[in-house]
Amino acid sequence: MANNLNLSPDGQLAASLDALRALEYAGPAVNGHHLVPGIFFSLDPESTNTVEVTSVQGELMSMRMGVDKPGRWLTLNMTAGSADFSACKIVGFACKLDAPVTTSFRVCLRCGDDQGHRDAFFPKTVVAYPKTALHLDVMEIEANPDIRVRAPWREIVMFFPRESAQITLRDFRLIVI
């Protein structure tokens, strides 16, 4: 991300999330188009999915996902940089969220290179409840063969249900220790 001086392992994602917190937007999320640099939705092109996003200053976003014809995936992808994890022990995240109807989804750390990518799924399923709640999840880096210690690029990927849902993501933090 341009003009980002934060060189910590979570720096690139932190800068993107700061930009999202400053965004005022209400409208559709277009497949593959970044809401802010480093944050975008990916929708299976064989599906008939829609995502409406509302972002107000100080919070991240509310997402209303409409699924007429389910696809293979409906994801929120957040670029997480290429920091060297060789001195790191744990990677995880904390998020604050809610939903009008209890909704669950999975999150992974995607590590990629020019040969493809590997998805390392966090062990817990995220559950959004009608009351705002905090979710924490971590993985031990050396215990998970799908986490590349050195990777040209990484993403945090949220795999949403392949059905209509509404989720408000109030805060998100990447944790690298």
N, C-alpha and C. Protein backbone atom coordinates (compact mmCIF):
# COMPACT_ATOMS: atom_id res chain seq x y z
N MET A 1 0.84 -1.17 0.00
CA MET A 1 0.00 0.00 0.00
C MET A 1 0.89 1.23 0.00
N ALA A 2 0.59 2.21 -0.83
CA ALA A 2 1.38 3.43 -0.94
C ALA A 2 1.37 4.21 0.37
N ASN A 3 2.50 4.80 0.70
CA ASN A 3 2.64 5.67 1.87
C ASN A 3 2.40 4.96 3.19
N ASN A 4 2.61 3.68 3.25
CA ASN A 4 2.46 2.94 4.50
C ASN A 4 3.85 2.73 5.09
N LEU A 5 4.10 3.32 6.24
CA LEU A 5 5.40 3.19 6.88
C LEU A 5 5.42 2.11 7.95
N ASN A 6 4.31 1.43 8.16
CA ASN A 6 4.24 0.37 9.16
C ASN A 6 4.83 -0.91 8.56
N LEU A 7 6.01 -1.29 9.03
CA LEU A 7 6.71 -2.45 8.48
C LEU A 7 6.53 -3.71 9.32
N SER A 8 5.66 -3.68 10.31
CA SER A 8 5.41 -4.85 11.15
C SER A 8 4.69 -5.92 10.32
N PRO A 9 4.68 -7.18 10.79
CA PRO A 9 4.04 -8.25 10.02
C PRO A 9 2.57 -7.99 9.69
N ASP A 10 1.89 -7.20 10.51
CA ASP A 10 0.49 -6.89 10.25
C ASP A 10 0.30 -5.52 9.59
N GLY A 11 1.39 -4.85 9.22
CA GLY A 11 1.34 -3.47 8.75
C GLY A 11 0.51 -3.23 7.52
N GLN A 12 0.62 -4.09 6.51
CA GLN A 12 -0.14 -3.86 5.28
C GLN A 12 -1.64 -3.97 5.53
N LEU A 13 -2.05 -5.00 6.24
CA LEU A 13 -3.47 -5.15 6.52
C LEU A 13 -3.97 -4.04 7.44
N ALA A 14 -3.17 -3.65 8.42
CA ALA A 14 -3.57 -2.56 9.33
C ALA A 14 -3.82 -1.27 8.55
N ALA A 15 -2.97 -0.97 7.57
CA ALA A 15 -3.14 0.24 6.76
C ALA A 15 -4.42 0.16 5.93
N SER A 16 -4.71 -1.02 5.36
CA SER A 16 -5.94 -1.19 4.57
C SER A 16 -7.17 -1.03 5.46
N LEU A 17 -7.12 -1.61 6.66
CA LEU A 17 -8.26 -1.49 7.58
C LEU A 17 -8.45 -0.05 8.04
N ASP A 18 -7.36 0.69 8.25
CA ASP A 18 -7.48 2.11 8.59
C ASP A 18 -8.17 2.88 7.46
N ALA A 19 -7.82 2.57 6.21
CA ALA A 19 -8.47 3.21 5.07
C ALA A 19 -9.95 2.86 5.02
N LEU A 20 -10.29 1.62 5.33
CA LEU A 20 -11.69 1.21 5.34
C LEU A 20 -12.46 1.92 6.45
N ARG A 21 -11.83 2.09 7.62
CA ARG A 21 -12.48 2.81 8.72
C ARG A 21 -12.76 4.27 8.36
N ALA A 22 -12.00 4.83 7.45
CA ALA A 22 -12.18 6.22 7.03
C ALA A 22 -13.16 6.35 5.87
N LEU A 23 -13.59 5.23 5.30
CA LEU A 23 -14.43 5.23 4.10
C LEU A 23 -15.89 5.49 4.44
N GLU A 24 -16.52 6.34 3.65
CA GLU A 24 -17.98 6.53 3.66
C GLU A 24 -18.47 5.98 2.33
N TYR A 25 -19.21 4.85 2.38
CA TYR A 25 -19.64 4.23 1.13
C TYR A 25 -20.90 3.42 1.39
N ALA A 26 -21.81 3.47 0.44
CA ALA A 26 -22.98 2.60 0.43
C ALA A 26 -23.25 2.24 -1.02
N GLY A 27 -23.18 0.94 -1.31
CA GLY A 27 -23.40 0.51 -2.68
C GLY A 27 -22.92 -0.91 -2.89
N PRO A 28 -22.91 -1.33 -4.15
CA PRO A 28 -22.53 -2.71 -4.44
C PRO A 28 -21.02 -2.93 -4.33
N ALA A 29 -20.66 -4.14 -3.98
CA ALA A 29 -19.26 -4.58 -4.06
C ALA A 29 -19.14 -5.33 -5.38
N VAL A 30 -18.23 -4.91 -6.22
CA VAL A 30 -18.04 -5.53 -7.53
C VAL A 30 -16.95 -6.59 -7.41
N ASN A 31 -17.20 -7.75 -7.97
CA ASN A 31 -16.27 -8.88 -7.89
C ASN A 31 -14.85 -8.45 -8.27
N GLY A 32 -13.92 -8.62 -7.32
CA GLY A 32 -12.52 -8.34 -7.58
C GLY A 32 -12.09 -6.88 -7.50
N HIS A 33 -13.03 -5.96 -7.36
CA HIS A 33 -12.69 -4.54 -7.28
C HIS A 33 -12.50 -4.15 -5.82
N HIS A 34 -11.41 -3.47 -5.55
CA HIS A 34 -11.05 -3.12 -4.19
C HIS A 34 -11.92 -1.99 -3.64
N LEU A 35 -12.49 -2.21 -2.44
CA LEU A 35 -13.21 -1.13 -1.75
C LEU A 35 -12.21 -0.06 -1.35
N VAL A 36 -11.10 -0.49 -0.79
CA VAL A 36 -9.91 0.32 -0.53
C VAL A 36 -8.74 -0.57 -0.95
N PRO A 37 -7.57 -0.03 -1.17
CA PRO A 37 -6.46 -0.90 -1.58
C PRO A 37 -6.26 -2.05 -0.60
N GLY A 38 -6.31 -3.28 -1.13
CA GLY A 38 -6.07 -4.46 -0.33
C GLY A 38 -7.30 -5.17 0.21
N ILE A 39 -8.49 -4.64 -0.03
CA ILE A 39 -9.71 -5.27 0.49
C ILE A 39 -10.74 -5.37 -0.63
N PHE A 40 -11.16 -6.62 -0.93
CA PHE A 40 -12.10 -6.83 -2.02
C PHE A 40 -12.92 -8.09 -1.79
N PHE A 41 -14.05 -8.18 -2.46
CA PHE A 41 -14.89 -9.38 -2.45
C PHE A 41 -14.58 -10.22 -3.68
N SER A 42 -14.65 -11.53 -3.51
CA SER A 42 -14.50 -12.46 -4.63
C SER A 42 -15.76 -13.32 -4.67
N LEU A 43 -16.44 -13.28 -5.82
CA LEU A 43 -17.68 -14.03 -6.00
C LEU A 43 -17.50 -15.00 -7.16
N ASP A 44 -17.92 -16.22 -6.97
CA ASP A 44 -17.85 -17.22 -8.04
C ASP A 44 -18.61 -16.67 -9.25
N PRO A 45 -17.95 -16.55 -10.42
CA PRO A 45 -18.63 -16.00 -11.59
C PRO A 45 -19.77 -16.88 -12.11
N GLU A 46 -19.82 -18.14 -11.67
CA GLU A 46 -20.91 -19.02 -12.10
C GLU A 46 -22.14 -18.88 -11.20
N SER A 47 -22.04 -18.04 -10.18
CA SER A 47 -23.15 -17.85 -9.25
C SER A 47 -23.92 -16.59 -9.61
N THR A 48 -25.04 -16.41 -8.93
CA THR A 48 -25.78 -15.17 -9.02
C THR A 48 -25.80 -14.58 -7.61
N ASN A 49 -24.67 -14.02 -7.21
CA ASN A 49 -24.51 -13.43 -5.88
C ASN A 49 -24.41 -11.92 -5.99
N THR A 50 -24.89 -11.25 -4.98
CA THR A 50 -24.71 -9.80 -4.88
C THR A 50 -24.23 -9.48 -3.47
N VAL A 51 -23.45 -8.43 -3.36
CA VAL A 51 -23.01 -7.95 -2.05
C VAL A 51 -23.23 -6.45 -2.02
N GLU A 52 -24.01 -5.99 -1.06
CA GLU A 52 -24.20 -4.56 -0.81
C GLU A 52 -23.40 -4.21 0.43
N VAL A 53 -22.60 -3.16 0.33
CA VAL A 53 -21.72 -2.77 1.42
C VAL A 53 -22.10 -1.38 1.92
N THR A 54 -22.11 -1.23 3.23
CA THR A 54 -22.25 0.09 3.85
C THR A 54 -21.07 0.26 4.79
N SER A 55 -20.33 1.34 4.58
CA SER A 55 -19.18 1.63 5.43
C SER A 55 -19.34 3.05 5.96
N VAL A 56 -19.25 3.19 7.27
CA VAL A 56 -19.32 4.51 7.90
C VAL A 56 -18.01 4.75 8.65
N GLN A 57 -17.63 6.01 8.74
CA GLN A 57 -16.37 6.34 9.40
C GLN A 57 -16.32 5.80 10.82
N GLY A 58 -15.18 5.23 11.16
CA GLY A 58 -14.96 4.72 12.51
C GLY A 58 -15.23 3.24 12.67
N GLU A 59 -15.94 2.64 11.72
CA GLU A 59 -16.18 1.20 11.75
C GLU A 59 -15.80 0.63 10.40
N LEU A 60 -15.83 -0.68 10.29
CA LEU A 60 -15.42 -1.29 9.03
C LEU A 60 -16.57 -1.32 8.03
N MET A 61 -17.46 -2.32 8.10
CA MET A 61 -18.53 -2.36 7.11
C MET A 61 -19.63 -3.33 7.49
N SER A 62 -20.80 -3.05 6.95
CA SER A 62 -21.92 -3.99 6.97
C SER A 62 -22.03 -4.57 5.57
N MET A 63 -22.29 -5.87 5.51
CA MET A 63 -22.38 -6.57 4.23
C MET A 63 -23.72 -7.28 4.16
N ARG A 64 -24.45 -7.01 3.11
CA ARG A 64 -25.70 -7.73 2.85
C ARG A 64 -25.46 -8.57 1.61
N MET A 65 -25.42 -9.89 1.80
CA MET A 65 -25.12 -10.80 0.71
C MET A 65 -26.40 -11.47 0.23
N GLY A 66 -26.67 -11.31 -1.05
CA GLY A 66 -27.82 -11.95 -1.66
C GLY A 66 -27.36 -13.09 -2.54
N VAL A 67 -27.96 -14.24 -2.36
CA VAL A 67 -27.57 -15.41 -3.14
C VAL A 67 -28.81 -15.97 -3.81
N ASP A 68 -28.91 -15.75 -5.13
CA ASP A 68 -30.01 -16.32 -5.90
C ASP A 68 -29.65 -17.71 -6.41
N LYS A 69 -28.44 -17.82 -6.95
CA LYS A 69 -27.91 -19.11 -7.41
C LYS A 69 -26.57 -19.30 -6.71
N PRO A 70 -26.50 -20.20 -5.71
CA PRO A 70 -25.25 -20.37 -4.95
C PRO A 70 -24.08 -20.75 -5.84
N GLY A 71 -22.94 -20.21 -5.50
CA GLY A 71 -21.71 -20.55 -6.21
C GLY A 71 -20.81 -21.40 -5.32
N ARG A 72 -19.59 -21.56 -5.75
CA ARG A 72 -18.63 -22.34 -4.98
C ARG A 72 -18.00 -21.52 -3.87
N TRP A 73 -17.98 -20.19 -4.02
CA TRP A 73 -17.41 -19.34 -2.98
C TRP A 73 -18.01 -17.95 -3.02
N LEU A 74 -17.95 -17.30 -1.88
CA LEU A 74 -18.31 -15.90 -1.68
C LEU A 74 -17.40 -15.44 -0.55
N THR A 75 -16.37 -14.66 -0.90
CA THR A 75 -15.34 -14.34 0.09
C THR A 75 -15.05 -12.85 0.18
N LEU A 76 -14.56 -12.47 1.35
CA LEU A 76 -13.94 -11.16 1.55
C LEU A 76 -12.45 -11.43 1.69
N ASN A 77 -11.66 -10.84 0.81
CA ASN A 77 -10.22 -11.05 0.80
C ASN A 77 -9.53 -9.77 1.27
N MET A 78 -8.59 -9.94 2.20
CA MET A 78 -7.85 -8.80 2.74
C MET A 78 -6.36 -9.10 2.62
N THR A 79 -5.66 -8.31 1.83
CA THR A 79 -4.23 -8.49 1.60
C THR A 79 -3.47 -8.34 2.91
N ALA A 80 -2.63 -9.33 3.21
CA ALA A 80 -1.93 -9.34 4.50
C ALA A 80 -0.41 -9.24 4.35
N GLY A 81 0.08 -8.84 3.19
CA GLY A 81 1.50 -8.58 3.02
C GLY A 81 2.34 -9.82 2.81
N SER A 82 3.64 -9.61 2.90
CA SER A 82 4.59 -10.69 2.63
C SER A 82 5.67 -10.77 3.70
N ALA A 83 5.35 -10.37 4.91
CA ALA A 83 6.35 -10.37 5.99
C ALA A 83 6.94 -11.75 6.20
N ASP A 84 8.19 -11.78 6.56
CA ASP A 84 8.89 -13.02 6.88
C ASP A 84 8.42 -13.49 8.26
N PHE A 85 7.84 -14.68 8.33
CA PHE A 85 7.32 -15.22 9.59
C PHE A 85 8.33 -16.12 10.30
N SER A 86 9.58 -16.17 9.84
CA SER A 86 10.54 -17.12 10.41
C SER A 86 10.80 -16.87 11.90
N ALA A 87 10.67 -15.65 12.37
CA ALA A 87 10.86 -15.36 13.80
C ALA A 87 9.55 -15.33 14.57
N CYS A 88 8.46 -15.65 13.89
CA CYS A 88 7.12 -15.57 14.51
C CYS A 88 6.65 -16.95 14.94
N LYS A 89 5.84 -16.99 15.97
CA LYS A 89 5.34 -18.26 16.51
C LYS A 89 3.85 -18.47 16.25
N ILE A 90 3.08 -17.37 16.30
CA ILE A 90 1.62 -17.47 16.24
C ILE A 90 1.08 -16.44 15.26
N VAL A 91 0.07 -16.83 14.49
CA VAL A 91 -0.68 -15.90 13.66
C VAL A 91 -2.15 -16.09 14.01
N GLY A 92 -2.87 -14.99 14.08
CA GLY A 92 -4.29 -15.08 14.42
C GLY A 92 -5.01 -13.80 14.11
N PHE A 93 -6.22 -13.72 14.59
CA PHE A 93 -7.00 -12.51 14.37
C PHE A 93 -8.00 -12.33 15.49
N ALA A 94 -8.45 -11.09 15.63
CA ALA A 94 -9.54 -10.74 16.52
C ALA A 94 -10.53 -9.94 15.69
N CYS A 95 -11.81 -10.26 15.83
CA CYS A 95 -12.81 -9.46 15.12
C CYS A 95 -14.02 -9.25 16.02
N LYS A 96 -14.63 -8.11 15.82
CA LYS A 96 -15.84 -7.72 16.55
C LYS A 96 -16.93 -7.63 15.49
N LEU A 97 -18.03 -8.35 15.70
CA LEU A 97 -19.04 -8.43 14.65
C LEU A 97 -20.41 -8.77 15.22
N ASP A 98 -21.41 -8.60 14.37
CA ASP A 98 -22.77 -9.01 14.71
C ASP A 98 -23.55 -9.26 13.43
N ALA A 99 -24.73 -9.85 13.59
CA ALA A 99 -25.62 -10.15 12.46
C ALA A 99 -27.04 -10.21 13.00
N PRO A 100 -28.03 -9.78 12.22
CA PRO A 100 -29.42 -9.84 12.70
C PRO A 100 -29.88 -11.26 13.00
N VAL A 101 -29.36 -12.23 12.23
CA VAL A 101 -29.66 -13.65 12.41
C VAL A 101 -28.31 -14.35 12.60
N THR A 102 -28.22 -15.24 13.56
CA THR A 102 -26.96 -15.94 13.82
C THR A 102 -26.41 -16.53 12.52
N THR A 103 -25.16 -16.19 12.21
CA THR A 103 -24.52 -16.58 10.95
C THR A 103 -23.10 -17.02 11.25
N SER A 104 -22.66 -18.10 10.60
CA SER A 104 -21.30 -18.58 10.82
C SER A 104 -20.52 -18.61 9.51
N PHE A 105 -19.20 -18.49 9.64
CA PHE A 105 -18.33 -18.56 8.47
C PHE A 105 -16.92 -18.95 8.91
N ARG A 106 -16.09 -19.31 7.94
CA ARG A 106 -14.71 -19.73 8.20
C ARG A 106 -13.73 -18.68 7.70
N VAL A 107 -12.54 -18.67 8.31
CA VAL A 107 -11.49 -17.73 7.94
C VAL A 107 -10.19 -18.51 7.73
N CYS A 108 -9.43 -18.12 6.71
CA CYS A 108 -8.14 -18.76 6.50
C CYS A 108 -7.06 -17.71 6.25
N LEU A 109 -5.83 -18.14 6.44
CA LEU A 109 -4.66 -17.38 6.01
C LEU A 109 -4.22 -18.03 4.71
N ARG A 110 -4.29 -17.29 3.62
CA ARG A 110 -3.90 -17.79 2.30
C ARG A 110 -2.47 -17.32 2.03
N CYS A 111 -1.58 -18.26 1.76
CA CYS A 111 -0.18 -17.96 1.45
C CYS A 111 0.05 -18.35 -0.01
N GLY A 112 0.56 -17.40 -0.81
CA GLY A 112 0.70 -17.70 -2.22
C GLY A 112 2.02 -17.31 -2.83
N ASP A 113 2.24 -17.87 -4.02
CA ASP A 113 3.38 -17.52 -4.85
C ASP A 113 2.95 -17.72 -6.30
N ASP A 114 3.90 -17.63 -7.23
CA ASP A 114 3.53 -17.75 -8.64
C ASP A 114 3.11 -19.17 -9.03
N GLN A 115 3.25 -20.13 -8.13
CA GLN A 115 2.82 -21.51 -8.38
C GLN A 115 1.40 -21.79 -7.88
N GLY A 116 0.82 -20.86 -7.13
CA GLY A 116 -0.51 -21.06 -6.57
C GLY A 116 -0.56 -20.62 -5.12
N HIS A 117 -1.50 -21.20 -4.38
CA HIS A 117 -1.64 -20.81 -2.97
C HIS A 117 -2.03 -22.00 -2.11
N ARG A 118 -1.87 -21.81 -0.81
CA ARG A 118 -2.33 -22.78 0.19
C ARG A 118 -3.19 -22.03 1.19
N ASP A 119 -4.27 -22.66 1.61
CA ASP A 119 -5.15 -22.07 2.61
C ASP A 119 -4.96 -22.78 3.94
N ALA A 120 -4.61 -22.02 4.97
CA ALA A 120 -4.49 -22.55 6.33
C ALA A 120 -5.70 -22.02 7.10
N PHE A 121 -6.67 -22.91 7.34
CA PHE A 121 -7.91 -22.48 8.01
C PHE A 121 -7.70 -22.39 9.51
N PHE A 122 -8.19 -21.31 10.08
CA PHE A 122 -8.16 -21.17 11.53
C PHE A 122 -9.09 -22.22 12.12
N PRO A 123 -8.76 -22.74 13.31
CA PRO A 123 -9.52 -23.88 13.85
C PRO A 123 -10.96 -23.57 14.23
N LYS A 124 -11.26 -22.36 14.63
CA LYS A 124 -12.62 -22.05 15.09
C LYS A 124 -13.48 -21.50 13.96
N THR A 125 -14.76 -21.79 14.02
CA THR A 125 -15.74 -21.18 13.12
C THR A 125 -16.17 -19.86 13.75
N VAL A 126 -16.19 -18.80 12.94
CA VAL A 126 -16.65 -17.50 13.43
C VAL A 126 -18.17 -17.52 13.45
N VAL A 127 -18.75 -17.07 14.55
CA VAL A 127 -20.20 -16.98 14.66
C VAL A 127 -20.57 -15.54 14.98
N ALA A 128 -21.41 -14.96 14.13
CA ALA A 128 -21.93 -13.61 14.35
C ALA A 128 -23.33 -13.75 14.93
N TYR A 129 -23.55 -13.10 16.06
CA TYR A 129 -24.83 -13.15 16.78
C TYR A 129 -25.54 -11.80 16.67
N PRO A 130 -26.84 -11.75 17.04
CA PRO A 130 -27.52 -10.46 17.04
C PRO A 130 -26.87 -9.43 17.98
N LYS A 131 -26.24 -9.90 19.05
CA LYS A 131 -25.52 -8.99 19.94
C LYS A 131 -24.05 -8.96 19.52
N THR A 132 -23.45 -7.77 19.44
CA THR A 132 -22.05 -7.65 19.04
C THR A 132 -21.16 -8.48 19.96
N ALA A 133 -20.27 -9.26 19.34
CA ALA A 133 -19.39 -10.15 20.10
C ALA A 133 -17.98 -10.09 19.53
N LEU A 134 -17.03 -10.52 20.34
CA LEU A 134 -15.63 -10.59 19.95
C LEU A 134 -15.26 -12.04 19.66
N HIS A 135 -14.56 -12.26 18.56
CA HIS A 135 -14.08 -13.60 18.20
C HIS A 135 -12.55 -13.54 18.10
N LEU A 136 -11.88 -14.50 18.73
CA LEU A 136 -10.42 -14.61 18.67
C LEU A 136 -10.05 -16.00 18.17
N ASP A 137 -9.02 -16.07 17.33
CA ASP A 137 -8.56 -17.37 16.84
C ASP A 137 -7.09 -17.25 16.48
N VAL A 138 -6.32 -18.30 16.75
CA VAL A 138 -4.89 -18.30 16.45
C VAL A 138 -4.45 -19.67 15.93
N MET A 139 -3.31 -19.68 15.25
CA MET A 139 -2.66 -20.91 14.80
C MET A 139 -1.18 -20.82 15.13
N GLU A 140 -0.60 -21.95 15.48
CA GLU A 140 0.84 -22.02 15.68
C GLU A 140 1.48 -22.19 14.30
N ILE A 141 2.35 -21.27 13.94
CA ILE A 141 2.91 -21.24 12.58
C ILE A 141 3.66 -22.52 12.24
N GLU A 142 4.58 -22.95 13.09
CA GLU A 142 5.40 -24.11 12.72
C GLU A 142 4.63 -25.43 12.77
N ALA A 143 3.46 -25.45 13.39
CA ALA A 143 2.66 -26.67 13.47
C ALA A 143 1.72 -26.84 12.28
N ASN A 144 1.63 -25.82 11.42
CA ASN A 144 0.70 -25.88 10.30
C ASN A 144 1.48 -25.86 8.99
N PRO A 145 1.52 -26.98 8.27
CA PRO A 145 2.30 -27.04 7.03
C PRO A 145 1.76 -26.14 5.91
N ASP A 146 0.53 -25.65 6.03
CA ASP A 146 -0.03 -24.78 5.00
C ASP A 146 0.36 -23.31 5.19
N ILE A 147 1.01 -22.99 6.31
CA ILE A 147 1.48 -21.62 6.52
C ILE A 147 2.92 -21.55 6.02
N ARG A 148 3.12 -20.77 4.99
CA ARG A 148 4.48 -20.59 4.47
C ARG A 148 5.16 -19.49 5.28
N VAL A 149 6.34 -19.81 5.82
CA VAL A 149 7.09 -18.84 6.62
C VAL A 149 7.50 -17.65 5.74
N ARG A 150 7.86 -17.94 4.52
CA ARG A 150 8.17 -16.89 3.54
C ARG A 150 7.20 -17.06 2.38
N ALA A 151 6.46 -16.01 2.09
CA ALA A 151 5.49 -16.06 0.99
C ALA A 151 5.48 -14.70 0.30
N PRO A 152 5.47 -14.67 -1.03
CA PRO A 152 5.42 -13.40 -1.75
C PRO A 152 4.14 -12.60 -1.47
N TRP A 153 3.06 -13.32 -1.12
CA TRP A 153 1.83 -12.62 -0.75
C TRP A 153 0.99 -13.49 0.18
N ARG A 154 0.20 -12.79 1.00
CA ARG A 154 -0.73 -13.45 1.92
C ARG A 154 -2.04 -12.68 1.92
N GLU A 155 -3.10 -13.40 2.21
CA GLU A 155 -4.42 -12.79 2.39
C GLU A 155 -5.11 -13.44 3.58
N ILE A 156 -5.92 -12.67 4.25
CA ILE A 156 -6.91 -13.21 5.16
C ILE A 156 -8.18 -13.33 4.33
N VAL A 157 -8.76 -14.53 4.29
CA VAL A 157 -9.95 -14.76 3.46
C VAL A 157 -11.09 -15.24 4.35
N MET A 158 -12.21 -14.53 4.28
CA MET A 158 -13.43 -14.93 5.00
C MET A 158 -14.35 -15.62 4.00
N PHE A 159 -14.66 -16.88 4.26
CA PHE A 159 -15.54 -17.67 3.41
C PHE A 159 -16.95 -17.60 3.98
N PHE A 160 -17.80 -16.79 3.35
CA PHE A 160 -19.15 -16.59 3.85
C PHE A 160 -20.07 -17.72 3.39
N PRO A 161 -21.22 -17.87 4.09
CA PRO A 161 -22.16 -18.92 3.69
C PRO A 161 -22.64 -18.69 2.26
N ARG A 162 -22.95 -19.77 1.60
CA ARG A 162 -23.45 -19.66 0.22
C ARG A 162 -24.97 -19.52 0.24
N GLU A 163 -25.41 -18.62 1.09
CA GLU A 163 -26.83 -18.29 1.22
C GLU A 163 -26.91 -16.83 1.63
N SER A 164 -28.07 -16.24 1.47
CA SER A 164 -28.23 -14.82 1.82
C SER A 164 -27.96 -14.60 3.30
N ALA A 165 -27.24 -13.53 3.60
CA ALA A 165 -26.88 -13.23 4.99
C ALA A 165 -26.53 -11.76 5.11
N GLN A 166 -26.56 -11.28 6.33
CA GLN A 166 -26.11 -9.92 6.61
C GLN A 166 -25.18 -9.98 7.82
N ILE A 167 -24.02 -9.36 7.69
CA ILE A 167 -23.02 -9.35 8.76
C ILE A 167 -22.45 -7.94 8.87
N THR A 168 -22.29 -7.48 10.09
CA THR A 168 -21.60 -6.21 10.32
C THR A 168 -20.26 -6.52 10.97
N LEU A 169 -19.20 -6.18 10.26
CA LEU A 169 -17.84 -6.36 10.76
C LEU A 169 -17.42 -5.01 11.35
N ARG A 170 -17.41 -4.94 12.67
CA ARG A 170 -17.13 -3.67 13.35
C ARG A 170 -15.64 -3.40 13.53
N ASP A 171 -14.86 -4.46 13.71
CA ASP A 171 -13.42 -4.30 13.85
C ASP A 171 -12.74 -5.61 13.48
N PHE A 172 -11.50 -5.51 13.04
CA PHE A 172 -10.70 -6.68 12.69
C PHE A 172 -9.25 -6.34 12.92
N ARG A 173 -8.51 -7.25 13.56
CA ARG A 173 -7.08 -7.06 13.79
C ARG A 173 -6.35 -8.36 13.49
N LEU A 174 -5.28 -8.26 12.74
CA LEU A 174 -4.39 -9.39 12.52
C LEU A 174 -3.41 -9.43 13.68
N ILE A 175 -3.14 -10.63 14.17
CA ILE A 175 -2.22 -10.81 15.29
C ILE A 175 -1.06 -11.68 14.80
N VAL A 176 0.16 -11.18 14.91
CA VAL A 176 1.34 -11.95 14.56
C VAL A 176 2.32 -11.80 15.72
N ILE A 177 2.65 -12.92 16.36
CA ILE A 177 3.53 -12.89 17.54
C ILE A 177 4.77 -13.72 17.26
